[in-house]
Amino acid sequence: MADIIPDPETIITELYPRGSLTRKLLLQHGEQVAAKALAVLDRSAWLDADRTFVYQAAMLHDIGIGRTHCPSLGCTGPLPYVCHGVEGRTILNRLGLIRHAWVCERHVGTGITARQIKAQNIPLPLREMLPITVEERLICYADKFFSKSDSGRHEKSVDEIVSGLTRYGTDNALRFDRLHRFFTVEPAVSGRLAATGHQQEKAPC
C-alpha cells in the first residue's frame, strides 16, 4: 500500500511557489515520468507494483533540485546537481515519506554505486545508491526518457539514452540495458530463450 500523503503538487508547492520556473518544470517532468512508468505497467502484466505509490514517487523524485545550482531550471542553491537525489531524500524523510525518499536518492542516472562515488570523487555520501524495489527501478527507468532542460518536449529513444549514459561510463549504460530488459521482456519468454540456447536481442546501443 502507498503511504497516505497530501497531493504531490501540494508538497511541491510548499517548497516552490506558484509561478516559479522550478515548480512548473517539476510538475511537468513528474507527470511525464509518472505517465511513462504507468504505461510500462499497463503493458507488462507480469510486474507487481503499487501504482498509487509509483505516481506519487514519480511526481516527487526530483524535489531536491532547488538545493542545487542549475539556473536553467530556476535552481540557485549551492550544491552540484548530482546532489539533488540525496537532498530530495532528506526533504521527504523529514515529511515521514521514507519510501518516497528512497526513490529520490536512488533514481539519479541509473543509480550510483559506492565504487563510482569513490573512484570519480562524486560529492555524495559513500554508500550504495542503486534502485532496489520494482517501483524504484521503474521510476529510475522512466525518468531517463525525459529531460527537464528541454521542458520534456522530446521523449528520448533507447539509443539516445544509452549514448548519453555511456558518456558517464559503460556501467551506467549496462544498468540501463538491464532495466530495459526487465521492463520489456516477459520473464517466461526470457526463460524459454535461455533454455533453447537463443540469445535475447540486445537493446540498441
C-alpha atoms as a PDB file:
ATOM      1  CA  MET A   1       0.000   0.000   0.000  1.00  0.00           C
ATOM      2  CA  ALA A   2       1.164   3.521  -0.798  1.00  0.00           C
ATOM      3  CA  ASP A   3       1.613   5.905   2.086  1.00  0.00           C
ATOM      4  CA  ILE A   4      -1.288   8.297   2.611  1.00  0.00           C
ATOM      5  CA  ILE A   5       0.200  11.657   1.698  1.00  0.00           C
ATOM      6  CA  PRO A   6      -1.033  15.066   0.609  1.00  0.00           C
ATOM      7  CA  ASP A   7      -1.361  15.541  -3.136  1.00  0.00           C
ATOM      8  CA  PRO A   8       2.207  15.639  -4.535  1.00  0.00           C
ATOM      9  CA  GLU A   9       1.518  19.032  -6.075  1.00  0.00           C
ATOM     10  CA  THR A  10       0.750  20.395  -2.603  1.00  0.00           C
ATOM     11  CA  ILE A  11       4.120  19.169  -1.305  1.00  0.00           C
ATOM     12  CA  ILE A  12       5.940  20.676  -4.294  1.00  0.00           C
ATOM     13  CA  THR A  13       4.123  23.994  -3.903  1.00  0.00           C
ATOM     14  CA  GLU A  14       5.192  24.235  -0.249  1.00  0.00           C
ATOM     15  CA  LEU A  15       8.809  24.366  -1.452  1.00  0.00           C
ATOM     16  CA  TYR A  16       8.460  26.010  -4.849  1.00  0.00           C
ATOM     17  CA  PRO A  17       5.986  28.896  -5.109  1.00  0.00           C
ATOM     18  CA  ARG A  18       3.342  29.171  -7.794  1.00  0.00           C
ATOM     19  CA  GLY A  19       4.679  30.955 -10.842  1.00  0.00           C
ATOM     20  CA  SER A  20       8.256  29.775 -10.322  1.00  0.00           C
ATOM     21  CA  LEU A  21      10.092  28.065 -13.167  1.00  0.00           C
ATOM     22  CA  THR A  22      11.248  25.236 -10.914  1.00  0.00           C
ATOM     23  CA  ARG A  23       7.711  24.391  -9.803  1.00  0.00           C
ATOM     24  CA  LYS A  24       6.493  24.392 -13.401  1.00  0.00           C
ATOM     25  CA  LEU A  25       9.286  22.076 -14.549  1.00  0.00           C
ATOM     26  CA  LEU A  26       8.938  19.741 -11.560  1.00  0.00           C
ATOM     27  CA  LEU A  27       5.221  19.255 -12.152  1.00  0.00           C
ATOM     28  CA  GLN A  28       5.620  18.840 -15.895  1.00  0.00           C
ATOM     29  CA  HIS A  29       8.530  16.408 -15.635  1.00  0.00           C
ATOM     30  CA  GLY A  30       6.881  14.490 -12.809  1.00  0.00           C
ATOM     31  CA  GLU A  31       3.717  13.982 -14.848  1.00  0.00           C
ATOM     32  CA  GLN A  32       5.744  12.749 -17.821  1.00  0.00           C
ATOM     33  CA  VAL A  33       7.732  10.275 -15.746  1.00  0.00           C
ATOM     34  CA  ALA A  34       4.597   9.083 -13.940  1.00  0.00           C
ATOM     35  CA  ALA A  35       2.736   8.571 -17.226  1.00  0.00           C
ATOM     36  CA  LYS A  36       5.663   6.659 -18.726  1.00  0.00           C
ATOM     37  CA  ALA A  37       6.014   4.453 -15.647  1.00  0.00           C
ATOM     38  CA  LEU A  38       2.300   3.650 -15.519  1.00  0.00           C
ATOM     39  CA  ALA A  39       2.279   2.905 -19.260  1.00  0.00           C
ATOM     40  CA  VAL A  40       5.085   0.386 -18.688  1.00  0.00           C
ATOM     41  CA  LEU A  41       2.951  -1.294 -16.023  1.00  0.00           C
ATOM     42  CA  ASP A  42      -0.056  -1.329 -18.362  1.00  0.00           C
ATOM     43  CA  ARG A  43       1.802  -3.368 -20.966  1.00  0.00           C
ATOM     44  CA  SER A  44       3.795  -5.514 -18.522  1.00  0.00           C
ATOM     45  CA  ALA A  45       1.187  -7.584 -16.718  1.00  0.00           C
ATOM     46  CA  TRP A  46       3.861  -9.712 -15.039  1.00  0.00           C
ATOM     47  CA  LEU A  47       5.032  -6.770 -12.918  1.00  0.00           C
ATOM     48  CA  ASP A  48       3.659  -6.417  -9.395  1.00  0.00           C
ATOM     49  CA  ALA A  49       3.901  -2.753  -8.426  1.00  0.00           C
ATOM     50  CA  ASP A  50       1.981  -0.272  -6.296  1.00  0.00           C
ATOM     51  CA  ARG A  51       0.531   2.077  -8.921  1.00  0.00           C
ATOM     52  CA  THR A  52      -0.509   4.760  -6.449  1.00  0.00           C
ATOM     53  CA  PHE A  53       2.962   4.851  -4.943  1.00  0.00           C
ATOM     54  CA  VAL A  54       4.541   4.919  -8.412  1.00  0.00           C
ATOM     55  CA  TYR A  55       2.524   8.016  -9.308  1.00  0.00           C
ATOM     56  CA  GLN A  56       3.299   9.770  -6.023  1.00  0.00           C
ATOM     57  CA  ALA A  57       7.016   8.990  -6.083  1.00  0.00           C
ATOM     58  CA  ALA A  58       7.373   9.868  -9.762  1.00  0.00           C
ATOM     59  CA  MET A  59       5.894  13.284  -9.044  1.00  0.00           C
ATOM     60  CA  LEU A  60       8.280  13.844  -6.123  1.00  0.00           C
ATOM     61  CA  HIS A  61      11.502  12.195  -7.315  1.00  0.00           C
ATOM     62  CA  ASP A  62      13.247  15.477  -8.249  1.00  0.00           C
ATOM     63  CA  ILE A  63      12.017  17.560  -5.325  1.00  0.00           C
ATOM     64  CA  GLY A  64      15.599  18.185  -4.133  1.00  0.00           C
ATOM     65  CA  ILE A  65      16.714  20.149  -7.216  1.00  0.00           C
ATOM     66  CA  GLY A  66      16.103  23.514  -5.565  1.00  0.00           C
ATOM     67  CA  ARG A  67      19.086  22.955  -3.264  1.00  0.00           C
ATOM     68  CA  THR A  68      21.411  22.609  -6.263  1.00  0.00           C
ATOM     69  CA  HIS A  69      22.894  25.165  -8.629  1.00  0.00           C
ATOM     70  CA  CYS A  70      21.198  24.855 -12.014  1.00  0.00           C
ATOM     71  CA  PRO A  71      19.994  28.310 -13.143  1.00  0.00           C
ATOM     72  CA  SER A  72      18.430  26.942 -16.346  1.00  0.00           C
ATOM     73  CA  LEU A  73      15.928  25.124 -14.112  1.00  0.00           C
ATOM     74  CA  GLY A  74      15.479  28.110 -11.813  1.00  0.00           C
ATOM     75  CA  CYS A  75      17.628  26.470  -9.126  1.00  0.00           C
ATOM     76  CA  THR A  76      20.077  28.740  -7.298  1.00  0.00           C
ATOM     77  CA  GLY A  77      21.210  26.520  -4.425  1.00  0.00           C
ATOM     78  CA  PRO A  78      24.877  25.929  -3.556  1.00  0.00           C
ATOM     79  CA  LEU A  79      25.226  22.216  -4.373  1.00  0.00           C
ATOM     80  CA  PRO A  80      26.182  20.354  -7.570  1.00  0.00           C
ATOM     81  CA  TYR A  81      23.177  18.994  -9.458  1.00  0.00           C
ATOM     82  CA  VAL A  82      24.187  15.388  -8.758  1.00  0.00           C
ATOM     83  CA  CYS A  83      23.255  16.040  -5.117  1.00  0.00           C
ATOM     84  CA  HIS A  84      19.562  16.541  -5.879  1.00  0.00           C
ATOM     85  CA  GLY A  85      18.743  12.912  -5.127  1.00  0.00           C
ATOM     86  CA  VAL A  86      20.202  12.814  -1.622  1.00  0.00           C
ATOM     87  CA  GLU A  87      18.738  16.250  -0.909  1.00  0.00           C
ATOM     88  CA  GLY A  88      15.333  15.022  -2.017  1.00  0.00           C
ATOM     89  CA  ARG A  89      15.692  12.069   0.318  1.00  0.00           C
ATOM     90  CA  THR A  90      16.427  14.447   3.207  1.00  0.00           C
ATOM     91  CA  ILE A  91      13.363  16.565   2.406  1.00  0.00           C
ATOM     92  CA  LEU A  92      10.961  13.632   2.179  1.00  0.00           C
ATOM     93  CA  ASN A  93      12.420  11.841   5.199  1.00  0.00           C
ATOM     94  CA  ARG A  94      11.565  14.920   7.257  1.00  0.00           C
ATOM     95  CA  LEU A  95       7.987  14.613   6.000  1.00  0.00           C
ATOM     96  CA  GLY A  96       7.908  10.964   7.048  1.00  0.00           C
ATOM     97  CA  LEU A  97       7.786   9.732   3.439  1.00  0.00           C
ATOM     98  CA  ILE A  98      10.526   7.146   3.775  1.00  0.00           C
ATOM     99  CA  ARG A  99       9.689   5.014   0.720  1.00  0.00           C
ATOM    100  CA  HIS A 100       9.351   8.082  -1.494  1.00  0.00           C
ATOM    101  CA  ALA A 101      12.647   9.374  -0.114  1.00  0.00           C
ATOM    102  CA  TRP A 102      14.496   6.253  -1.270  1.00  0.00           C
ATOM    103  CA  VAL A 103      13.241   6.860  -4.805  1.00  0.00           C
ATOM    104  CA  CYS A 104      14.765  10.341  -4.714  1.00  0.00           C
ATOM    105  CA  GLU A 105      18.176   9.051  -3.702  1.00  0.00           C
ATOM    106  CA  ARG A 106      18.269   6.038  -5.999  1.00  0.00           C
ATOM    107  CA  HIS A 107      16.949   7.407  -9.310  1.00  0.00           C
ATOM    108  CA  VAL A 108      19.942   9.567 -10.319  1.00  0.00           C
ATOM    109  CA  GLY A 109      21.498   8.241 -13.522  1.00  0.00           C
ATOM    110  CA  THR A 110      20.820   4.521 -13.362  1.00  0.00           C
ATOM    111  CA  GLY A 111      21.712   4.534  -9.706  1.00  0.00           C
ATOM    112  CA  ILE A 112      25.179   5.254  -8.349  1.00  0.00           C
ATOM    113  CA  THR A 113      27.459   2.743  -6.657  1.00  0.00           C
ATOM    114  CA  ALA A 114      29.764   3.439  -3.738  1.00  0.00           C
ATOM    115  CA  ARG A 115      32.622   2.371  -6.011  1.00  0.00           C
ATOM    116  CA  GLN A 116      31.683   5.055  -8.550  1.00  0.00           C
ATOM    117  CA  ILE A 117      31.380   7.693  -5.845  1.00  0.00           C
ATOM    118  CA  LYS A 118      34.870   6.907  -4.569  1.00  0.00           C
ATOM    119  CA  ALA A 119      36.578   6.408  -7.940  1.00  0.00           C
ATOM    120  CA  GLN A 120      35.073   9.508  -9.556  1.00  0.00           C
ATOM    121  CA  ASN A 121      35.199  11.653  -6.419  1.00  0.00           C
ATOM    122  CA  ILE A 122      31.477  12.384  -6.705  1.00  0.00           C
ATOM    123  CA  PRO A 123      30.365  14.765  -3.916  1.00  0.00           C
ATOM    124  CA  LEU A 124      27.940  12.300  -2.341  1.00  0.00           C
ATOM    125  CA  PRO A 125      27.886  10.172   0.817  1.00  0.00           C
ATOM    126  CA  LEU A 126      29.910   6.995   0.267  1.00  0.00           C
ATOM    127  CA  ARG A 127      27.154   4.390   0.046  1.00  0.00           C
ATOM    128  CA  GLU A 128      25.232   2.337  -2.499  1.00  0.00           C
ATOM    129  CA  MET A 129      22.519   4.333  -4.261  1.00  0.00           C
ATOM    130  CA  LEU A 130      21.135   1.753  -6.679  1.00  0.00           C
ATOM    131  CA  PRO A 131      17.358   1.307  -7.112  1.00  0.00           C
ATOM    132  CA  ILE A 132      16.192  -1.892  -5.427  1.00  0.00           C
ATOM    133  CA  THR A 133      12.407  -2.306  -5.441  1.00  0.00           C
ATOM    134  CA  VAL A 134      10.341  -2.663  -8.608  1.00  0.00           C
ATOM    135  CA  GLU A 135       8.911   0.804  -8.034  1.00  0.00           C
ATOM    136  CA  GLU A 136      12.347   2.373  -7.518  1.00  0.00           C
ATOM    137  CA  ARG A 137      13.699   0.692 -10.632  1.00  0.00           C
ATOM    138  CA  LEU A 138      10.626   1.670 -12.661  1.00  0.00           C
ATOM    139  CA  ILE A 139      10.855   5.371 -11.824  1.00  0.00           C
ATOM    140  CA  CYS A 140      14.608   5.374 -12.445  1.00  0.00           C
ATOM    141  CA  TYR A 141      13.935   3.785 -15.851  1.00  0.00           C
ATOM    142  CA  ALA A 142      11.054   6.061 -16.870  1.00  0.00           C
ATOM    143  CA  ASP A 143      12.964   9.170 -15.799  1.00  0.00           C
ATOM    144  CA  LYS A 144      15.679   8.528 -18.382  1.00  0.00           C
ATOM    145  CA  PHE A 145      13.277   9.158 -21.273  1.00  0.00           C
ATOM    146  CA  PHE A 146      12.748  12.841 -20.446  1.00  0.00           C
ATOM    147  CA  SER A 147      14.894  15.886 -19.780  1.00  0.00           C
ATOM    148  CA  LYS A 148      13.796  18.944 -17.850  1.00  0.00           C
ATOM    149  CA  SER A 149      16.231  21.102 -19.831  1.00  0.00           C
ATOM    150  CA  ASP A 150      14.043  20.996 -22.960  1.00  0.00           C
ATOM    151  CA  SER A 151      10.802  21.112 -20.958  1.00  0.00           C
ATOM    152  CA  GLY A 152      10.256  17.464 -21.846  1.00  0.00           C
ATOM    153  CA  ARG A 153       9.292  18.246 -25.425  1.00  0.00           C
ATOM    154  CA  HIS A 154      11.162  15.202 -26.700  1.00  0.00           C
ATOM    155  CA  GLU A 155      10.876  11.626 -25.465  1.00  0.00           C
ATOM    156  CA  LYS A 156      14.286  10.046 -25.945  1.00  0.00           C
ATOM    157  CA  SER A 157      14.781   6.780 -27.774  1.00  0.00           C
ATOM    158  CA  VAL A 158      16.617   3.896 -26.137  1.00  0.00           C
ATOM    159  CA  ASP A 159      19.550   4.657 -28.473  1.00  0.00           C
ATOM    160  CA  GLU A 160      19.720   8.245 -27.245  1.00  0.00           C
ATOM    161  CA  ILE A 161      19.531   7.219 -23.608  1.00  0.00           C
ATOM    162  CA  VAL A 162      22.297   4.642 -23.915  1.00  0.00           C
ATOM    163  CA  SER A 163      24.507   7.077 -25.846  1.00  0.00           C
ATOM    164  CA  GLY A 164      24.043   9.755 -23.198  1.00  0.00           C
ATOM    165  CA  LEU A 165      24.708   7.394 -20.303  1.00  0.00           C
ATOM    166  CA  THR A 166      27.838   5.970 -21.913  1.00  0.00           C
ATOM    167  CA  ARG A 167      29.494   9.369 -21.571  1.00  0.00           C
ATOM    168  CA  TYR A 168      29.486   8.789 -17.807  1.00  0.00           C
ATOM    169  CA  GLY A 169      30.840   5.247 -18.035  1.00  0.00           C
ATOM    170  CA  THR A 170      29.799   1.941 -19.537  1.00  0.00           C
ATOM    171  CA  ASP A 171      28.436   0.722 -16.185  1.00  0.00           C
ATOM    172  CA  ASN A 172      25.622   3.269 -16.453  1.00  0.00           C
ATOM    173  CA  ALA A 173      24.634   2.110 -19.927  1.00  0.00           C
ATOM    174  CA  LEU A 174      24.775  -1.549 -18.900  1.00  0.00           C
ATOM    175  CA  ARG A 175      22.497  -0.888 -15.921  1.00  0.00           C
ATOM    176  CA  PHE A 176      20.003   0.842 -18.200  1.00  0.00           C
ATOM    177  CA  ASP A 177      20.134  -2.121 -20.582  1.00  0.00           C
ATOM    178  CA  ARG A 178      19.263  -4.430 -17.677  1.00  0.00           C
ATOM    179  CA  LEU A 179      16.407  -2.154 -16.637  1.00  0.00           C
ATOM    180  CA  HIS A 180      15.122  -2.035 -20.205  1.00  0.00           C
ATOM    181  CA  ARG A 181      15.109  -5.828 -20.437  1.00  0.00           C
ATOM    182  CA  PHE A 182      13.452  -6.156 -17.034  1.00  0.00           C
ATOM    183  CA  PHE A 183      10.566  -3.903 -18.051  1.00  0.00           C
ATOM    184  CA  THR A 184      10.105  -5.063 -21.643  1.00  0.00           C
ATOM    185  CA  VAL A 185      10.886  -8.813 -21.741  1.00  0.00           C
ATOM    186  CA  GLU A 186       8.412 -11.121 -20.013  1.00  0.00           C
ATOM    187  CA  PRO A 187      10.291 -13.499 -17.672  1.00  0.00           C
ATOM    188  CA  ALA A 188       8.696 -16.611 -19.207  1.00  0.00           C
ATOM    189  CA  VAL A 189       9.853 -15.537 -22.668  1.00  0.00           C
ATOM    190  CA  SER A 190      13.321 -14.788 -21.367  1.00  0.00           C
ATOM    191  CA  GLY A 191      13.468 -18.209 -19.741  1.00  0.00           C
ATOM    192  CA  ARG A 192      12.373 -20.013 -22.912  1.00  0.00           C
ATOM    193  CA  LEU A 193      15.008 -18.202 -24.954  1.00  0.00           C
ATOM    194  CA  ALA A 194      17.708 -19.179 -22.472  1.00  0.00           C
ATOM    195  CA  ALA A 195      16.517 -22.791 -22.355  1.00  0.00           C
ATOM    196  CA  THR A 196      16.707 -23.154 -26.147  1.00  0.00           C
ATOM    197  CA  GLY A 197      20.125 -21.564 -26.335  1.00  0.00           C
ATOM    198  CA  HIS A 198      18.969 -18.406 -28.105  1.00  0.00           C
ATOM    199  CA  GLN A 199      20.338 -15.057 -27.008  1.00  0.00           C
ATOM    200  CA  GLN A 200      17.964 -12.177 -26.449  1.00  0.00           C
ATOM    201  CA  GLU A 201      18.338  -9.262 -28.799  1.00  0.00           C
ATOM    202  CA  LYS A 202      20.264  -6.513 -27.083  1.00  0.00           C
ATOM    203  CA  ALA A 203      18.781  -3.067 -26.626  1.00  0.00           C
ATOM    204  CA  PRO A 204      20.098  -0.728 -29.359  1.00  0.00           C
ATOM    205  CA  CYS A 205      23.310   0.952 -28.307  1.00  0.00           C
END
